Amino acid sequence: MKIAIAGAAGRMGRTLTRIASETSGIEIAGGLESSGSPQVGSDLGEIAGIGKLGVKVSNDPEWLLAHVDGIIDFTVPAATVTLSEIAARRRLVHVIGTTGLSETDEGKIRDAAQQARIVKSGNMSVGVNLLAALVEKIARTLPSNFDIEIVEMHHRHKVDAPSGTALLLGEAAAAGRNIELKEKAIRGRDGQTGPRPPGHIGFGSLRGGSVVGEHSVIFAGPSERIELVHRAESRDIFAHGAMRAALWAKDKQAGLYTIADVMELGD
């Protein structure tokens, strides 16, 4: 399967290149960067520190996506929406790990999925998606007097909060409670907030250092507390999940899928 890597010169892009080069069934066909990037025209393997691959970084998404079967995309919302539209026209696989997408962005991606095979998740790791499945089950099982709080920490360079993973876990908890997260989410607290409203899902975001990603889901009830924790120790886990998603989606029909679909984590 010929794939392109969006944001090839970034931290995640370099990791994706390295893992793709080690993945059976994947051929790296190109990388993508914005026109102003000094890495345009550079060899993808040299950028990733794995030696020359003979594959260059392009700044032309239309040209690049005409020569691949799919693209793996951990970039920024505006770029992801544009790539989804091109992927739709060319009926490609589009694996999306981008976070911070707006409701409008999400709608455009849903539209693109009518023609493209899109796998989108706030976190591509096996562990996190297993955690989400557990969160949904626990939220469904526990009585409503257990409060749900989600705490996450990432490196100082992360620009969106709560993280995509935290929101993924929040959606799992909301599904278990049969509520809409956007109506019941509390994102941070400051000042005289009053008592905690019942039935809400709270989020706390920490930023600092080089933390890849840590997430805790806390179910706090009368006289007892249950905590589920996932700690990412390397970006490799996200890249491995993305490769698995791309290969899985290759022979699927157009549609919008998640890593839970790839892992067959349905009921």
C-alpha atoms as a PDB file:
ATOM      1  CA  MET A   1       0.000   0.000   0.000  1.00  0.00           C
ATOM      2  CA  LYS A   2       1.518   3.312  -1.088  1.00  0.00           C
ATOM      3  CA  ILE A   3       1.097   5.971   1.579  1.00  0.00           C
ATOM      4  CA  ALA A   4       2.025   9.615   2.030  1.00  0.00           C
ATOM      5  CA  ILE A   5       2.840  11.161   5.391  1.00  0.00           C
ATOM      6  CA  ALA A   6       1.444  14.621   6.117  1.00  0.00           C
ATOM      7  CA  GLY A   7       3.477  16.901   8.352  1.00  0.00           C
ATOM      8  CA  ALA A   8       6.509  14.778   7.516  1.00  0.00           C
ATOM      9  CA  ALA A   9       9.071  17.068   9.164  1.00  0.00           C
ATOM     10  CA  GLY A  10       7.307  17.269  12.537  1.00  0.00           C
ATOM     11  CA  ARG A  11       7.891  15.074  15.579  1.00  0.00           C
ATOM     12  CA  MET A  12       4.990  12.796  14.761  1.00  0.00           C
ATOM     13  CA  GLY A  13       5.761  12.841  11.045  1.00  0.00           C
ATOM     14  CA  ARG A  14       9.295  11.608  11.658  1.00  0.00           C
ATOM     15  CA  THR A  15       7.972   8.845  13.887  1.00  0.00           C
ATOM     16  CA  LEU A  16       5.414   7.838  11.252  1.00  0.00           C
ATOM     17  CA  THR A  17       8.143   7.635   8.613  1.00  0.00           C
ATOM     18  CA  ARG A  18      10.303   5.407  10.781  1.00  0.00           C
ATOM     19  CA  ILE A  19       7.465   3.052  11.732  1.00  0.00           C
ATOM     20  CA  ALA A  20       6.133   2.966   8.155  1.00  0.00           C
ATOM     21  CA  SER A  21       9.569   1.913   6.913  1.00  0.00           C
ATOM     22  CA  GLU A  22       9.409  -1.062   9.297  1.00  0.00           C
ATOM     23  CA  THR A  23       5.814  -2.084   8.520  1.00  0.00           C
ATOM     24  CA  SER A  24       5.134  -4.974   6.157  1.00  0.00           C
ATOM     25  CA  GLY A  25       2.664  -4.040   3.427  1.00  0.00           C
ATOM     26  CA  ILE A  26       3.433  -0.307   3.585  1.00  0.00           C
ATOM     27  CA  GLU A  27       5.455   1.580   0.968  1.00  0.00           C
ATOM     28  CA  ILE A  28       6.301   5.208   1.715  1.00  0.00           C
ATOM     29  CA  ALA A  29       5.479   7.115  -1.454  1.00  0.00           C
ATOM     30  CA  GLY A  30       6.010  10.679  -0.277  1.00  0.00           C
ATOM     31  CA  GLY A  31       5.802  13.259   2.441  1.00  0.00           C
ATOM     32  CA  LEU A  32       3.914  16.531   2.663  1.00  0.00           C
ATOM     33  CA  GLU A  33       4.838  19.869   4.210  1.00  0.00           C
ATOM     34  CA  SER A  34       3.618  23.438   3.792  1.00  0.00           C
ATOM     35  CA  SER A  35       5.172  25.581   1.081  1.00  0.00           C
ATOM     36  CA  GLY A  36       7.216  27.591   3.568  1.00  0.00           C
ATOM     37  CA  SER A  37       8.919  24.573   5.121  1.00  0.00           C
ATOM     38  CA  PRO A  38      12.703  24.363   4.591  1.00  0.00           C
ATOM     39  CA  GLN A  39      12.296  20.571   4.396  1.00  0.00           C
ATOM     40  CA  VAL A  40      10.429  20.658   1.074  1.00  0.00           C
ATOM     41  CA  GLY A  41      12.514  18.659  -1.408  1.00  0.00           C
ATOM     42  CA  SER A  42      14.427  16.846   1.353  1.00  0.00           C
ATOM     43  CA  ASP A  43      14.626  13.072   1.604  1.00  0.00           C
ATOM     44  CA  LEU A  44      12.004  11.703   3.980  1.00  0.00           C
ATOM     45  CA  GLY A  45      14.318   9.106   5.484  1.00  0.00           C
ATOM     46  CA  GLU A  46      17.049  11.617   6.234  1.00  0.00           C
ATOM     47  CA  ILE A  47      14.532  13.860   8.000  1.00  0.00           C
ATOM     48  CA  ALA A  48      13.442  10.878  10.122  1.00  0.00           C
ATOM     49  CA  GLY A  49      17.042   9.926  10.890  1.00  0.00           C
ATOM     50  CA  ILE A  50      16.857   6.478   9.291  1.00  0.00           C
ATOM     51  CA  GLY A  51      18.969   7.087   6.193  1.00  0.00           C
ATOM     52  CA  LYS A  52      18.068   8.012   2.649  1.00  0.00           C
ATOM     53  CA  LEU A  53      14.841   6.469   1.325  1.00  0.00           C
ATOM     54  CA  GLY A  54      14.803   8.079  -2.100  1.00  0.00           C
ATOM     55  CA  VAL A  55      11.436   9.671  -1.308  1.00  0.00           C
ATOM     56  CA  LYS A  56      11.041  13.445  -1.215  1.00  0.00           C
ATOM     57  CA  VAL A  57       8.898  15.889   0.732  1.00  0.00           C
ATOM     58  CA  SER A  58       6.405  17.768  -1.448  1.00  0.00           C
ATOM     59  CA  ASN A  59       4.387  20.926  -0.849  1.00  0.00           C
ATOM     60  CA  ASP A  60       1.747  19.989  -3.434  1.00  0.00           C
ATOM     61  CA  PRO A  61      -1.012  17.835  -1.910  1.00  0.00           C
ATOM     62  CA  GLU A  62      -2.941  17.519  -5.186  1.00  0.00           C
ATOM     63  CA  TRP A  63       0.088  16.088  -6.990  1.00  0.00           C
ATOM     64  CA  LEU A  64       1.149  13.858  -4.093  1.00  0.00           C
ATOM     65  CA  LEU A  65      -2.276  12.331  -3.485  1.00  0.00           C
ATOM     66  CA  ALA A  66      -2.545  11.463  -7.173  1.00  0.00           C
ATOM     67  CA  HIS A  67       0.296   8.970  -6.642  1.00  0.00           C
ATOM     68  CA  VAL A  68      -0.707   7.169  -3.423  1.00  0.00           C
ATOM     69  CA  ASP A  69      -3.326   4.802  -2.003  1.00  0.00           C
ATOM     70  CA  GLY A  70      -3.675   6.742   1.229  1.00  0.00           C
ATOM     71  CA  ILE A  71      -2.337   9.426   3.536  1.00  0.00           C
ATOM     72  CA  ILE A  72      -1.608   9.419   7.245  1.00  0.00           C
ATOM     73  CA  ASP A  73      -2.307  12.775   8.794  1.00  0.00           C
ATOM     74  CA  PHE A  74      -1.402  14.053  12.275  1.00  0.00           C
ATOM     75  CA  THR A  75      -1.329  17.751  11.403  1.00  0.00           C
ATOM     76  CA  VAL A  76      -3.639  20.714  12.060  1.00  0.00           C
ATOM     77  CA  PRO A  77      -7.382  21.080  11.421  1.00  0.00           C
ATOM     78  CA  ALA A  78      -7.199  23.310   8.337  1.00  0.00           C
ATOM     79  CA  ALA A  79      -4.731  20.988   6.597  1.00  0.00           C
ATOM     80  CA  THR A  80      -6.709  17.897   7.578  1.00  0.00           C
ATOM     81  CA  VAL A  81      -9.945  19.260   6.123  1.00  0.00           C
ATOM     82  CA  THR A  82      -8.203  20.106   2.842  1.00  0.00           C
ATOM     83  CA  LEU A  83      -6.619  16.649   2.658  1.00  0.00           C
ATOM     84  CA  SER A  84      -9.959  14.984   3.383  1.00  0.00           C
ATOM     85  CA  GLU A  85     -11.522  16.792   0.428  1.00  0.00           C
ATOM     86  CA  ILE A  86      -8.724  15.635  -1.901  1.00  0.00           C
ATOM     87  CA  ALA A  87      -8.915  12.110  -0.480  1.00  0.00           C
ATOM     88  CA  ALA A  88     -12.644  12.097  -1.211  1.00  0.00           C
ATOM     89  CA  ARG A  89     -12.158  13.108  -4.838  1.00  0.00           C
ATOM     90  CA  ARG A  90      -9.554  10.388  -5.303  1.00  0.00           C
ATOM     91  CA  ARG A  91     -11.358   7.835  -3.087  1.00  0.00           C
ATOM     92  CA  LEU A  92      -8.280   7.287  -0.936  1.00  0.00           C
ATOM     93  CA  VAL A  93      -7.657   6.041   2.571  1.00  0.00           C
ATOM     94  CA  HIS A  94      -7.224   8.957   4.987  1.00  0.00           C
ATOM     95  CA  VAL A  95      -6.023   8.133   8.502  1.00  0.00           C
ATOM     96  CA  ILE A  96      -6.607  11.148  10.754  1.00  0.00           C
ATOM     97  CA  GLY A  97      -4.914  11.603  14.114  1.00  0.00           C
ATOM     98  CA  THR A  98      -5.358  15.392  14.089  1.00  0.00           C
ATOM     99  CA  THR A  99      -6.972  16.890  17.192  1.00  0.00           C
ATOM    100  CA  GLY A 100      -8.614  20.239  17.909  1.00  0.00           C
ATOM    101  CA  LEU A 101     -11.156  19.869  15.082  1.00  0.00           C
ATOM    102  CA  SER A 102     -14.198  22.147  15.253  1.00  0.00           C
ATOM    103  CA  GLU A 103     -17.789  21.058  14.664  1.00  0.00           C
ATOM    104  CA  THR A 104     -17.544  22.583  11.183  1.00  0.00           C
ATOM    105  CA  ASP A 105     -14.346  20.626  10.503  1.00  0.00           C
ATOM    106  CA  GLU A 106     -15.997  17.421  11.699  1.00  0.00           C
ATOM    107  CA  GLY A 107     -18.912  18.025   9.340  1.00  0.00           C
ATOM    108  CA  LYS A 108     -16.596  18.459   6.352  1.00  0.00           C
ATOM    109  CA  ILE A 109     -14.781  15.244   7.250  1.00  0.00           C
ATOM    110  CA  ARG A 110     -18.106  13.396   7.491  1.00  0.00           C
ATOM    111  CA  ASP A 111     -18.954  14.707   4.023  1.00  0.00           C
ATOM    112  CA  ALA A 112     -15.593  13.528   2.671  1.00  0.00           C
ATOM    113  CA  ALA A 113     -16.198  10.070   4.141  1.00  0.00           C
ATOM    114  CA  GLN A 114     -19.018   9.555   1.650  1.00  0.00           C
ATOM    115  CA  GLN A 115     -16.274   8.875  -0.914  1.00  0.00           C
ATOM    116  CA  ALA A 116     -13.041   8.410   1.047  1.00  0.00           C
ATOM    117  CA  ARG A 117     -12.204   5.665   3.527  1.00  0.00           C
ATOM    118  CA  ILE A 118     -11.469   7.711   6.633  1.00  0.00           C
ATOM    119  CA  VAL A 119     -10.241   6.323   9.927  1.00  0.00           C
ATOM    120  CA  LYS A 120     -10.283   9.090  12.535  1.00  0.00           C
ATOM    121  CA  SER A 121      -9.467   8.881  16.220  1.00  0.00           C
ATOM    122  CA  GLY A 122      -8.304  11.185  18.982  1.00  0.00           C
ATOM    123  CA  ASN A 123      -5.771   8.487  19.812  1.00  0.00           C
ATOM    124  CA  MET A 124      -4.476   5.673  17.622  1.00  0.00           C
ATOM    125  CA  SER A 125      -3.001   3.461  20.337  1.00  0.00           C
ATOM    126  CA  VAL A 126      -4.392   0.031  21.156  1.00  0.00           C
ATOM    127  CA  GLY A 127      -4.167   0.711  24.890  1.00  0.00           C
ATOM    128  CA  VAL A 128      -6.152   3.936  24.846  1.00  0.00           C
ATOM    129  CA  ASN A 129      -8.937   2.438  22.771  1.00  0.00           C
ATOM    130  CA  LEU A 130      -9.176  -0.541  25.101  1.00  0.00           C
ATOM    131  CA  LEU A 131      -9.321   1.985  27.945  1.00  0.00           C
ATOM    132  CA  ALA A 132     -12.172   3.828  26.206  1.00  0.00           C
ATOM    133  CA  ALA A 133     -14.115   0.584  25.906  1.00  0.00           C
ATOM    134  CA  LEU A 134     -13.646  -0.020  29.643  1.00  0.00           C
ATOM    135  CA  VAL A 135     -14.656   3.555  30.466  1.00  0.00           C
ATOM    136  CA  GLU A 136     -17.922   3.171  28.575  1.00  0.00           C
ATOM    137  CA  LYS A 137     -18.693  -0.117  30.309  1.00  0.00           C
ATOM    138  CA  ILE A 138     -17.913   1.220  33.779  1.00  0.00           C
ATOM    139  CA  ALA A 139     -19.927   4.402  33.181  1.00  0.00           C
ATOM    140  CA  ARG A 140     -22.876   2.279  32.122  1.00  0.00           C
ATOM    141  CA  THR A 141     -22.555  -0.018  35.136  1.00  0.00           C
ATOM    142  CA  LEU A 142     -21.997   2.425  38.002  1.00  0.00           C
ATOM    143  CA  PRO A 143     -24.890   4.414  39.488  1.00  0.00           C
ATOM    144  CA  SER A 144     -25.234   8.076  38.584  1.00  0.00           C
ATOM    145  CA  ASN A 145     -23.946   9.248  41.978  1.00  0.00           C
ATOM    146  CA  PHE A 146     -20.409   8.422  40.787  1.00  0.00           C
ATOM    147  CA  ASP A 147     -18.867  11.609  39.387  1.00  0.00           C
ATOM    148  CA  ILE A 148     -16.594  11.306  36.333  1.00  0.00           C
ATOM    149  CA  GLU A 149     -13.427  13.374  35.978  1.00  0.00           C
ATOM    150  CA  ILE A 150     -10.802  13.131  33.224  1.00  0.00           C
ATOM    151  CA  VAL A 151      -7.292  14.500  33.810  1.00  0.00           C
ATOM    152  CA  GLU A 152      -4.670  14.643  31.071  1.00  0.00           C
ATOM    153  CA  MET A 153      -1.080  15.867  30.757  1.00  0.00           C
ATOM    154  CA  HIS A 154       0.981  16.529  27.627  1.00  0.00           C
ATOM    155  CA  HIS A 155       4.237  18.204  26.597  1.00  0.00           C
ATOM    156  CA  ARG A 156       4.578  21.968  26.610  1.00  0.00           C
ATOM    157  CA  HIS A 157       4.197  22.241  22.817  1.00  0.00           C
ATOM    158  CA  LYS A 158       0.654  20.880  22.602  1.00  0.00           C
ATOM    159  CA  VAL A 159      -1.723  23.600  21.463  1.00  0.00           C
ATOM    160  CA  ASP A 160      -5.221  22.177  22.063  1.00  0.00           C
ATOM    161  CA  ALA A 161      -6.988  21.331  25.320  1.00  0.00           C
ATOM    162  CA  PRO A 162      -8.592  19.092  26.362  1.00  0.00           C
ATOM    163  CA  SER A 163      -6.574  16.638  24.315  1.00  0.00           C
ATOM    164  CA  GLY A 164      -8.203  14.560  21.613  1.00  0.00           C
ATOM    165  CA  THR A 165      -7.656  11.520  23.795  1.00  0.00           C
ATOM    166  CA  ALA A 166      -9.378  13.132  26.759  1.00  0.00           C
ATOM    167  CA  LEU A 167     -12.356  13.942  24.562  1.00  0.00           C
ATOM    168  CA  LEU A 168     -12.351  10.385  23.206  1.00  0.00           C
ATOM    169  CA  LEU A 169     -12.547   9.105  26.789  1.00  0.00           C
ATOM    170  CA  GLY A 170     -15.197  11.693  27.616  1.00  0.00           C
ATOM    171  CA  GLU A 171     -17.320  10.558  24.688  1.00  0.00           C
ATOM    172  CA  ALA A 172     -16.954   6.960  25.895  1.00  0.00           C
ATOM    173  CA  ALA A 173     -18.114   7.945  29.381  1.00  0.00           C
ATOM    174  CA  ALA A 174     -21.009   9.952  27.936  1.00  0.00           C
ATOM    175  CA  ALA A 175     -22.048   6.993  25.784  1.00  0.00           C
ATOM    176  CA  GLY A 176     -22.069   4.795  28.870  1.00  0.00           C
ATOM    177  CA  ARG A 177     -24.283   7.312  30.666  1.00  0.00           C
ATOM    178  CA  ASN A 178     -26.472   7.853  27.578  1.00  0.00           C
ATOM    179  CA  ILE A 179     -25.875  11.601  27.583  1.00  0.00           C
ATOM    180  CA  GLU A 180     -24.445  14.151  25.143  1.00  0.00           C
ATOM    181  CA  LEU A 181     -20.910  15.166  26.133  1.00  0.00           C
ATOM    182  CA  LYS A 182     -21.229  18.683  24.690  1.00  0.00           C
ATOM    183  CA  GLU A 183     -24.161  19.306  27.041  1.00  0.00           C
ATOM    184  CA  LYS A 184     -22.531  17.853  30.158  1.00  0.00           C
ATOM    185  CA  ALA A 185     -18.817  18.696  29.868  1.00  0.00           C
ATOM    186  CA  ILE A 186     -17.051  20.996  32.341  1.00  0.00           C
ATOM    187  CA  ARG A 187     -13.711  22.179  30.955  1.00  0.00           C
ATOM    188  CA  GLY A 188     -11.663  23.580  33.796  1.00  0.00           C
ATOM    189  CA  ARG A 189     -12.694  25.391  36.959  1.00  0.00           C
ATOM    190  CA  ASP A 190     -11.660  28.733  38.366  1.00  0.00           C
ATOM    191  CA  GLY A 191     -12.969  30.977  41.123  1.00  0.00           C
ATOM    192  CA  GLN A 192     -16.282  30.551  42.944  1.00  0.00           C
ATOM    193  CA  THR A 193     -17.739  27.792  40.786  1.00  0.00           C
ATOM    194  CA  GLY A 194     -20.279  26.490  43.278  1.00  0.00           C
ATOM    195  CA  PRO A 195     -20.795  22.806  43.976  1.00  0.00           C
ATOM    196  CA  ARG A 196     -20.227  20.242  41.260  1.00  0.00           C
ATOM    197  CA  PRO A 197     -23.429  19.748  39.224  1.00  0.00           C
ATOM    198  CA  PRO A 198     -24.539  16.112  39.206  1.00  0.00           C
ATOM    199  CA  GLY A 199     -24.208  14.098  36.013  1.00  0.00           C
ATOM    200  CA  HIS A 200     -21.473  16.202  34.441  1.00  0.00           C
ATOM    201  CA  ILE A 201     -18.088  15.036  33.115  1.00  0.00           C
ATOM    202  CA  GLY A 202     -15.137  17.173  34.182  1.00  0.00           C
ATOM    203  CA  PHE A 203     -11.868  17.784  32.333  1.00  0.00           C
ATOM    204  CA  GLY A 204      -8.513  18.980  33.638  1.00  0.00           C
ATOM    205  CA  SER A 205      -5.552  19.702  31.330  1.00  0.00           C
ATOM    206  CA  LEU A 206      -1.896  19.915  32.378  1.00  0.00           C
ATOM    207  CA  ARG A 207       1.003  20.950  30.130  1.00  0.00           C
ATOM    208  CA  GLY A 208       4.748  20.714  30.700  1.00  0.00           C
ATOM    209  CA  GLY A 209       8.064  19.173  29.803  1.00  0.00           C
ATOM    210  CA  SER A 210       8.221  16.369  27.260  1.00  0.00           C
ATOM    211  CA  VAL A 211       5.284  14.237  28.413  1.00  0.00           C
ATOM    212  CA  VAL A 212       4.000  12.182  25.468  1.00  0.00           C
ATOM    213  CA  GLY A 213       0.579  11.696  27.032  1.00  0.00           C
ATOM    214  CA  GLU A 214      -0.991  10.663  30.343  1.00  0.00           C
ATOM    215  CA  HIS A 215      -4.708  10.210  30.924  1.00  0.00           C
ATOM    216  CA  SER A 216      -6.687   9.324  34.038  1.00  0.00           C
ATOM    217  CA  VAL A 217     -10.401   8.658  34.201  1.00  0.00           C
ATOM    218  CA  ILE A 218     -11.715   8.947  37.747  1.00  0.00           C
ATOM    219  CA  PHE A 219     -15.063   7.600  38.924  1.00  0.00           C
ATOM    220  CA  ALA A 220     -15.597   9.179  42.346  1.00  0.00           C
ATOM    221  CA  GLY A 221     -18.507   7.832  44.354  1.00  0.00           C
ATOM    222  CA  PRO A 222     -19.668   7.769  47.955  1.00  0.00           C
ATOM    223  CA  SER A 223     -16.789   6.371  50.044  1.00  0.00           C
ATOM    224  CA  GLU A 224     -14.876   4.853  47.091  1.00  0.00           C
ATOM    225  CA  ARG A 225     -13.046   5.837  43.936  1.00  0.00           C
ATOM    226  CA  ILE A 226     -12.094   3.952  40.768  1.00  0.00           C
ATOM    227  CA  GLU A 227      -9.232   5.254  38.609  1.00  0.00           C
ATOM    228  CA  LEU A 228      -8.191   4.064  35.151  1.00  0.00           C
ATOM    229  CA  VAL A 229      -4.834   5.319  33.855  1.00  0.00           C
ATOM    230  CA  HIS A 230      -2.964   5.174  30.557  1.00  0.00           C
ATOM    231  CA  ARG A 231       0.589   6.494  30.102  1.00  0.00           C
ATOM    232  CA  ALA A 232       2.100   6.782  26.644  1.00  0.00           C
ATOM    233  CA  GLU A 233       5.876   6.365  26.808  1.00  0.00           C
ATOM    234  CA  SER A 234       6.592   6.777  23.085  1.00  0.00           C
ATOM    235  CA  ARG A 235       4.903   8.190  19.986  1.00  0.00           C
ATOM    236  CA  ASP A 236       5.568   4.817  18.393  1.00  0.00           C
ATOM    237  CA  ILE A 237       2.279   3.485  19.760  1.00  0.00           C
ATOM    238  CA  PHE A 238       0.303   6.066  17.773  1.00  0.00           C
ATOM    239  CA  ALA A 239       2.276   5.363  14.601  1.00  0.00           C
ATOM    240  CA  HIS A 240       1.783   1.603  14.883  1.00  0.00           C
ATOM    241  CA  GLY A 241      -1.957   2.168  15.287  1.00  0.00           C
ATOM    242  CA  ALA A 242      -2.033   4.443  12.242  1.00  0.00           C
ATOM    243  CA  MET A 243      -0.295   1.841  10.051  1.00  0.00           C
ATOM    244  CA  ARG A 244      -2.718  -0.807  11.232  1.00  0.00           C
ATOM    245  CA  ALA A 245      -5.627   1.508  10.414  1.00  0.00           C
ATOM    246  CA  ALA A 246      -4.341   2.282   6.919  1.00  0.00           C
ATOM    247  CA  LEU A 247      -3.887  -1.379   6.006  1.00  0.00           C
ATOM    248  CA  TRP A 248      -7.293  -2.260   7.476  1.00  0.00           C
ATOM    249  CA  ALA A 249      -9.079   0.482   5.537  1.00  0.00           C
ATOM    250  CA  LYS A 250      -7.484  -0.339   2.191  1.00  0.00           C
ATOM    251  CA  ASP A 251     -10.191  -2.785   1.143  1.00  0.00           C
ATOM    252  CA  LYS A 252     -13.115  -1.193   2.977  1.00  0.00           C
ATOM    253  CA  GLN A 253     -15.987   0.757   1.487  1.00  0.00           C
ATOM    254  CA  ALA A 254     -16.108   4.541   1.796  1.00  0.00           C
ATOM    255  CA  GLY A 255     -17.076   5.623   5.291  1.00  0.00           C
ATOM    256  CA  LEU A 256     -15.993   7.185   8.553  1.00  0.00           C
ATOM    257  CA  TYR A 257     -14.363   4.656  10.868  1.00  0.00           C
ATOM    258  CA  THR A 258     -12.538   4.694  14.199  1.00  0.00           C
ATOM    259  CA  ILE A 259      -9.727   2.655  15.701  1.00  0.00           C
ATOM    260  CA  ALA A 260     -12.401   0.834  17.685  1.00  0.00           C
ATOM    261  CA  ASP A 261     -13.698  -0.425  14.320  1.00  0.00           C
ATOM    262  CA  VAL A 262     -10.189  -1.468  13.304  1.00  0.00           C
ATOM    263  CA  MET A 263      -9.780  -3.346  16.593  1.00  0.00           C
ATOM    264  CA  GLU A 264     -13.316  -4.754  16.441  1.00  0.00           C
ATOM    265  CA  LEU A 265     -14.157  -3.379  19.883  1.00  0.00           C
ATOM    266  CA  GLY A 266     -17.899  -3.298  19.337  1.00  0.00           C
ATOM    267  CA  ASP A 267     -20.366  -4.717  21.837  1.00  0.00           C
END
